[in-house]
Amino acid sequence: GWFGKLTGKLPTTSADWLAVKYMVSGYKPTKQNLDAESDAVALFSGKFGHLPSTSQDWNIIAAIAYSGAF
């Protein structure tokens, strides 16, 4: 449901499925991209109506910032 809420579609590409994997399992980048993470927080808060605060929320932020699907 998280992917669909963010994109309005079901996952179809490799990047989409990678995003789903990151949303479920998390992702820790070897090099942090603060600009991508900032954009991800903005997208997240716009779609879900709150700032990320749980580990699940941060998994979604990682998916947005690093999967290439958004």
PDB file of N, CA and C in Angstrom:
ATOM      1  N   GLY A   1       0.765  -1.184   0.000  1.00  0.00           N
ATOM      2  CA  GLY A   1       0.000   0.000   0.000  1.00  0.00           C
ATOM      3  C   GLY A   1       0.825   1.277   0.000  1.00  0.00           C
ATOM      4  N   TRP A   2       2.024   1.268   0.567  1.00  0.00           N
ATOM      5  CA  TRP A   2       2.816   2.500   0.641  1.00  0.00           C
ATOM      6  C   TRP A   2       3.219   2.964  -0.753  1.00  0.00           C
ATOM      7  N   PHE A   3       3.677   2.024  -1.575  1.00  0.00           N
ATOM      8  CA  PHE A   3       4.109   2.386  -2.927  1.00  0.00           C
ATOM      9  C   PHE A   3       2.945   2.992  -3.705  1.00  0.00           C
ATOM     10  N   GLY A   4       1.802   2.346  -3.650  1.00  0.00           N
ATOM     11  CA  GLY A   4       0.614   2.837  -4.346  1.00  0.00           C
ATOM     12  C   GLY A   4       0.163   4.196  -3.839  1.00  0.00           C
ATOM     13  N   LYS A   5       0.259   4.409  -2.542  1.00  0.00           N
ATOM     14  CA  LYS A   5      -0.125   5.708  -1.964  1.00  0.00           C
ATOM     15  C   LYS A   5       0.785   6.815  -2.494  1.00  0.00           C
ATOM     16  N   LEU A   6       2.065   6.499  -2.676  1.00  0.00           N
ATOM     17  CA  LEU A   6       3.015   7.498  -3.147  1.00  0.00           C
ATOM     18  C   LEU A   6       2.935   7.739  -4.646  1.00  0.00           C
ATOM     19  N   THR A   7       2.657   6.693  -5.425  1.00  0.00           N
ATOM     20  CA  THR A   7       2.738   6.804  -6.881  1.00  0.00           C
ATOM     21  C   THR A   7       1.393   6.744  -7.588  1.00  0.00           C
ATOM     22  N   GLY A   8       0.387   6.182  -6.934  1.00  0.00           N
ATOM     23  CA  GLY A   8      -0.906   6.018  -7.575  1.00  0.00           C
ATOM     24  C   GLY A   8      -0.962   4.855  -8.544  1.00  0.00           C
ATOM     25  N   LYS A   9       0.028   3.950  -8.456  1.00  0.00           N
ATOM     26  CA  LYS A   9       0.059   2.792  -9.345  1.00  0.00           C
ATOM     27  C   LYS A   9       0.691   1.602  -8.635  1.00  0.00           C
ATOM     28  N   LEU A  10       0.558   0.450  -9.243  1.00  0.00           N
ATOM     29  CA  LEU A  10       1.225  -0.740  -8.744  1.00  0.00           C
ATOM     30  C   LEU A  10       2.667  -0.759  -9.244  1.00  0.00           C
ATOM     31  N   PRO A  11       3.576  -1.412  -8.526  1.00  0.00           N
ATOM     32  CA  PRO A  11       4.958  -1.499  -8.994  1.00  0.00           C
ATOM     33  C   PRO A  11       5.053  -2.354 -10.260  1.00  0.00           C
ATOM     34  N   THR A  12       5.801  -1.862 -11.249  1.00  0.00           N
ATOM     35  CA  THR A  12       5.959  -2.603 -12.500  1.00  0.00           C
ATOM     36  C   THR A  12       7.409  -2.719 -12.949  1.00  0.00           C
ATOM     37  N   THR A  13       8.257  -1.781 -12.593  1.00  0.00           N
ATOM     38  CA  THR A  13       9.644  -1.792 -13.052  1.00  0.00           C
ATOM     39  C   THR A  13      10.566  -2.360 -11.973  1.00  0.00           C
ATOM     40  N   SER A  14      11.791  -2.595 -12.349  1.00  0.00           N
ATOM     41  CA  SER A  14      12.794  -3.063 -11.373  1.00  0.00           C
ATOM     42  C   SER A  14      12.982  -2.041 -10.264  1.00  0.00           C
ATOM     43  N   ALA A  15      13.011  -0.761 -10.629  1.00  0.00           N
ATOM     44  CA  ALA A  15      13.166   0.295  -9.621  1.00  0.00           C
ATOM     45  C   ALA A  15      11.968   0.324  -8.675  1.00  0.00           C
ATOM     46  N   ASP A  16      10.771   0.109  -9.229  1.00  0.00           N
ATOM     47  CA  ASP A  16       9.572   0.065  -8.385  1.00  0.00           C
ATOM     48  C   ASP A  16       9.680  -1.054  -7.360  1.00  0.00           C
ATOM     49  N   TRP A  17      10.080  -2.229  -7.821  1.00  0.00           N
ATOM     50  CA  TRP A  17      10.179  -3.380  -6.914  1.00  0.00           C
ATOM     51  C   TRP A  17      11.311  -3.198  -5.906  1.00  0.00           C
ATOM     52  N   LEU A  18      12.377  -2.521  -6.316  1.00  0.00           N
ATOM     53  CA  LEU A  18      13.446  -2.205  -5.375  1.00  0.00           C
ATOM     54  C   LEU A  18      12.919  -1.267  -4.289  1.00  0.00           C
ATOM     55  N   ALA A  19      12.086  -0.306  -4.677  1.00  0.00           N
ATOM     56  CA  ALA A  19      11.476   0.595  -3.695  1.00  0.00           C
ATOM     57  C   ALA A  19      10.626  -0.182  -2.703  1.00  0.00           C
ATOM     58  N   VAL A  20       9.846  -1.134  -3.197  1.00  0.00           N
ATOM     59  CA  VAL A  20       9.017  -1.959  -2.304  1.00  0.00           C
ATOM     60  C   VAL A  20       9.914  -2.731  -1.334  1.00  0.00           C
ATOM     61  N   LYS A  21      11.001  -3.289  -1.860  1.00  0.00           N
ATOM     62  CA  LYS A  21      11.937  -4.026  -0.994  1.00  0.00           C
ATOM     63  C   LYS A  21      12.503  -3.115   0.098  1.00  0.00           C
ATOM     64  N   TYR A  22      12.905  -1.895  -0.270  1.00  0.00           N
ATOM     65  CA  TYR A  22      13.440  -0.952   0.713  1.00  0.00           C
ATOM     66  C   TYR A  22      12.381  -0.565   1.736  1.00  0.00           C
ATOM     67  N   MET A  23      11.128  -0.426   1.275  1.00  0.00           N
ATOM     68  CA  MET A  23      10.052  -0.064   2.198  1.00  0.00           C
ATOM     69  C   MET A  23       9.820  -1.149   3.234  1.00  0.00           C
ATOM     70  N   VAL A  24       9.981  -2.379   2.827  1.00  0.00           N
ATOM     71  CA  VAL A  24       9.744  -3.510   3.730  1.00  0.00           C
ATOM     72  C   VAL A  24      10.969  -3.789   4.599  1.00  0.00           C
ATOM     73  N   SER A  25      12.152  -3.811   3.980  1.00  0.00           N
ATOM     74  CA  SER A  25      13.361  -4.265   4.675  1.00  0.00           C
ATOM     75  C   SER A  25      14.282  -3.148   5.131  1.00  0.00           C
ATOM     76  N   GLY A  26      14.112  -1.957   4.585  1.00  0.00           N
ATOM     77  CA  GLY A  26      15.019  -0.864   4.891  1.00  0.00           C
ATOM     78  C   GLY A  26      16.213  -0.854   3.964  1.00  0.00           C
ATOM     79  N   TYR A  27      16.972   0.220   4.023  1.00  0.00           N
ATOM     80  CA  TYR A  27      18.175   0.369   3.204  1.00  0.00           C
ATOM     81  C   TYR A  27      19.089   1.371   3.880  1.00  0.00           C
ATOM     82  N   LYS A  28      20.351   1.025   4.003  1.00  0.00           N
ATOM     83  CA  LYS A  28      21.357   1.923   4.562  1.00  0.00           C
ATOM     84  C   LYS A  28      22.380   2.216   3.465  1.00  0.00           C
ATOM     85  N   PRO A  29      22.375   3.435   2.919  1.00  0.00           N
ATOM     86  CA  PRO A  29      23.316   3.760   1.843  1.00  0.00           C
ATOM     87  C   PRO A  29      24.746   3.810   2.360  1.00  0.00           C
ATOM     88  N   THR A  30      25.696   3.494   1.490  1.00  0.00           N
ATOM     89  CA  THR A  30      27.104   3.612   1.880  1.00  0.00           C
ATOM     90  C   THR A  30      27.520   5.079   1.897  1.00  0.00           C
ATOM     91  N   LYS A  31      26.867   5.894   1.057  1.00  0.00           N
ATOM     92  CA  LYS A  31      27.104   7.339   1.047  1.00  0.00           C
ATOM     93  C   LYS A  31      25.745   8.017   1.068  1.00  0.00           C
ATOM     94  N   GLN A  32      25.533   8.849   2.069  1.00  0.00           N
ATOM     95  CA  GLN A  32      24.249   9.510   2.241  1.00  0.00           C
ATOM     96  C   GLN A  32      24.093  10.662   1.254  1.00  0.00           C
ATOM     97  N   ASN A  33      22.898  10.783   0.664  1.00  0.00           N
ATOM     98  CA  ASN A  33      22.566  11.880  -0.237  1.00  0.00           C
ATOM     99  C   ASN A  33      21.528  12.752   0.465  1.00  0.00           C
ATOM    100  N   LEU A  34      22.000  13.808   1.110  1.00  0.00           N
ATOM    101  CA  LEU A  34      21.111  14.642   1.926  1.00  0.00           C
ATOM    102  C   LEU A  34      20.065  15.370   1.088  1.00  0.00           C
ATOM    103  N   ASP A  35      20.405  15.759  -0.136  1.00  0.00           N
ATOM    104  CA  ASP A  35      19.424  16.416  -0.996  1.00  0.00           C
ATOM    105  C   ASP A  35      18.291  15.449  -1.343  1.00  0.00           C
ATOM    106  N   ALA A  36      18.633  14.215  -1.703  1.00  0.00           N
ATOM    107  CA  ALA A  36      17.618  13.209  -2.030  1.00  0.00           C
ATOM    108  C   ALA A  36      16.770  12.884  -0.811  1.00  0.00           C
ATOM    109  N   GLU A  37      17.387  12.791   0.356  1.00  0.00           N
ATOM    110  CA  GLU A  37      16.632  12.495   1.570  1.00  0.00           C
ATOM    111  C   GLU A  37      15.714  13.658   1.950  1.00  0.00           C
ATOM    112  N   SER A  38      16.164  14.881   1.759  1.00  0.00           N
ATOM    113  CA  SER A  38      15.329  16.045   2.034  1.00  0.00           C
ATOM    114  C   SER A  38      14.107  16.058   1.113  1.00  0.00           C
ATOM    115  N   ASP A  39      14.329  15.784  -0.164  1.00  0.00           N
ATOM    116  CA  ASP A  39      13.212  15.697  -1.113  1.00  0.00           C
ATOM    117  C   ASP A  39      12.268  14.563  -0.730  1.00  0.00           C
ATOM    118  N   ALA A  40      12.830  13.451  -0.251  1.00  0.00           N
ATOM    119  CA  ALA A  40      12.014  12.306   0.156  1.00  0.00           C
ATOM    120  C   ALA A  40      11.144  12.642   1.359  1.00  0.00           C
ATOM    121  N   VAL A  41      11.695  13.372   2.314  1.00  0.00           N
ATOM    122  CA  VAL A  41      10.912  13.785   3.485  1.00  0.00           C
ATOM    123  C   VAL A  41       9.759  14.689   3.055  1.00  0.00           C
ATOM    124  N   ALA A  42      10.023  15.589   2.124  1.00  0.00           N
ATOM    125  CA  ALA A  42       8.969  16.483   1.627  1.00  0.00           C
ATOM    126  C   ALA A  42       7.864  15.684   0.929  1.00  0.00           C
ATOM    127  N   LEU A  43       8.235  14.735   0.089  1.00  0.00           N
ATOM    128  CA  LEU A  43       7.239  13.899  -0.587  1.00  0.00           C
ATOM    129  C   LEU A  43       6.453  13.076   0.420  1.00  0.00           C
ATOM    130  N   PHE A  44       7.162  12.464   1.357  1.00  0.00           N
ATOM    131  CA  PHE A  44       6.528  11.653   2.392  1.00  0.00           C
ATOM    132  C   PHE A  44       5.510  12.463   3.190  1.00  0.00           C
ATOM    133  N   SER A  45       5.929  13.612   3.683  1.00  0.00           N
ATOM    134  CA  SER A  45       5.033  14.405   4.529  1.00  0.00           C
ATOM    135  C   SER A  45       3.849  14.936   3.730  1.00  0.00           C
ATOM    136  N   GLY A  46       4.064  15.233   2.455  1.00  0.00           N
ATOM    137  CA  GLY A  46       2.964  15.685   1.619  1.00  0.00           C
ATOM    138  C   GLY A  46       1.924  14.608   1.375  1.00  0.00           C
ATOM    139  N   LYS A  47       2.376  13.373   1.203  1.00  0.00           N
ATOM    140  CA  LYS A  47       1.471  12.257   0.921  1.00  0.00           C
ATOM    141  C   LYS A  47       0.822  11.690   2.182  1.00  0.00           C
ATOM    142  N   PHE A  48       1.581  11.598   3.273  1.00  0.00           N
ATOM    143  CA  PHE A  48       1.091  10.933   4.473  1.00  0.00           C
ATOM    144  C   PHE A  48       0.628  11.906   5.564  1.00  0.00           C
ATOM    145  N   GLY A  49       0.920  13.199   5.424  1.00  0.00           N
ATOM    146  CA  GLY A  49       0.418  14.199   6.356  1.00  0.00           C
ATOM    147  C   GLY A  49       1.142  14.296   7.684  1.00  0.00           C
ATOM    148  N   HIS A  50       2.328  13.705   7.782  1.00  0.00           N
ATOM    149  CA  HIS A  50       3.129  13.843   8.999  1.00  0.00           C
ATOM    150  C   HIS A  50       4.596  13.638   8.656  1.00  0.00           C
ATOM    151  N   LEU A  51       5.470  14.080   9.525  1.00  0.00           N
ATOM    152  CA  LEU A  51       6.904  13.854   9.329  1.00  0.00           C
ATOM    153  C   LEU A  51       7.252  12.422   9.712  1.00  0.00           C
ATOM    154  N   PRO A  52       8.282  11.850   9.108  1.00  0.00           N
ATOM    155  CA  PRO A  52       8.675  10.492   9.464  1.00  0.00           C
ATOM    156  C   PRO A  52       9.143  10.415  10.909  1.00  0.00           C
ATOM    157  N   SER A  53       8.667   9.382  11.612  1.00  0.00           N
ATOM    158  CA  SER A  53       9.052   9.249  13.010  1.00  0.00           C
ATOM    159  C   SER A  53       9.315   7.809  13.425  1.00  0.00           C
ATOM    160  N   THR A  54       8.848   6.844  12.656  1.00  0.00           N
ATOM    161  CA  THR A  54       9.052   5.439  13.013  1.00  0.00           C
ATOM    162  C   THR A  54      10.095   4.818  12.087  1.00  0.00           C
ATOM    163  N   SER A  55      10.570   3.648  12.442  1.00  0.00           N
ATOM    164  CA  SER A  55      11.528   2.967  11.563  1.00  0.00           C
ATOM    165  C   SER A  55      10.882   2.644  10.217  1.00  0.00           C
ATOM    166  N   GLN A  56       9.596   2.321  10.204  1.00  0.00           N
ATOM    167  CA  GLN A  56       8.902   2.066   8.938  1.00  0.00           C
ATOM    168  C   GLN A  56       8.870   3.325   8.076  1.00  0.00           C
ATOM    169  N   ASP A  57       8.593   4.470   8.692  1.00  0.00           N
ATOM    170  CA  ASP A  57       8.614   5.737   7.962  1.00  0.00           C
ATOM    171  C   ASP A  57       9.976   5.968   7.325  1.00  0.00           C
ATOM    172  N   TRP A  58      11.038   5.694   8.066  1.00  0.00           N
ATOM    173  CA  TRP A  58      12.385   5.928   7.545  1.00  0.00           C
ATOM    174  C   TRP A  58      12.744   4.924   6.456  1.00  0.00           C
ATOM    175  N   ASN A  59      12.178   3.714   6.503  1.00  0.00           N
ATOM    176  CA  ASN A  59      12.347   2.781   5.386  1.00  0.00           C
ATOM    177  C   ASN A  59      11.743   3.367   4.118  1.00  0.00           C
ATOM    178  N   ILE A  60      10.584   3.994   4.248  1.00  0.00           N
ATOM    179  CA  ILE A  60       9.929   4.614   3.103  1.00  0.00           C
ATOM    180  C   ILE A  60      10.768   5.776   2.577  1.00  0.00           C
ATOM    181  N   ILE A  61      11.347   6.564   3.473  1.00  0.00           N
ATOM    182  CA  ILE A  61      12.230   7.661   3.058  1.00  0.00           C
ATOM    183  C   ILE A  61      13.405   7.106   2.265  1.00  0.00           C
ATOM    184  N   ALA A  62      14.022   6.032   2.745  1.00  0.00           N
ATOM    185  CA  ALA A  62      15.141   5.419   2.028  1.00  0.00           C
ATOM    186  C   ALA A  62      14.711   4.943   0.654  1.00  0.00           C
ATOM    187  N   ALA A  63      13.526   4.358   0.560  1.00  0.00           N
ATOM    188  CA  ALA A  63      13.022   3.882  -0.727  1.00  0.00           C
ATOM    189  C   ALA A  63      12.851   5.033  -1.702  1.00  0.00           C
ATOM    190  N   ILE A  64      12.286   6.122  -1.218  1.00  0.00           N
ATOM    191  CA  ILE A  64      12.078   7.289  -2.081  1.00  0.00           C
ATOM    192  C   ILE A  64      13.426   7.863  -2.522  1.00  0.00           C
ATOM    193  N   ALA A  65      14.352   7.997  -1.595  1.00  0.00           N
ATOM    194  CA  ALA A  65      15.619   8.646  -1.871  1.00  0.00           C
ATOM    195  C   ALA A  65      16.576   7.806  -2.709  1.00  0.00           C
ATOM    196  N   TYR A  66      16.546   6.479  -2.543  1.00  0.00           N
ATOM    197  CA  TYR A  66      17.621   5.667  -3.118  1.00  0.00           C
ATOM    198  C   TYR A  66      17.210   4.590  -4.118  1.00  0.00           C
ATOM    199  N   SER A  67      15.934   4.325  -4.292  1.00  0.00           N
ATOM    200  CA  SER A  67      15.555   3.219  -5.179  1.00  0.00           C
ATOM    201  C   SER A  67      15.564   3.592  -6.656  1.00  0.00           C
ATOM    202  N   GLY A  68      15.418   4.878  -6.969  1.00  0.00           N
ATOM    203  CA  GLY A  68      15.320   5.304  -8.351  1.00  0.00           C
ATOM    204  C   GLY A  68      13.914   5.239  -8.922  1.00  0.00           C
ATOM    205  N   ALA A  69      12.933   4.900  -8.088  1.00  0.00           N
ATOM    206  CA  ALA A  69      11.558   4.748  -8.551  1.00  0.00           C
ATOM    207  C   ALA A  69      10.766   6.050  -8.493  1.00  0.00           C
ATOM    208  N   PHE A  70      11.295   7.071  -7.833  1.00  0.00           N
ATOM    209  CA  PHE A  70      10.524   8.307  -7.636  1.00  0.00           C
ATOM    210  C   PHE A  70      11.200   9.493  -8.284  1.00  0.00           C
TER     211      PHE A  70
END
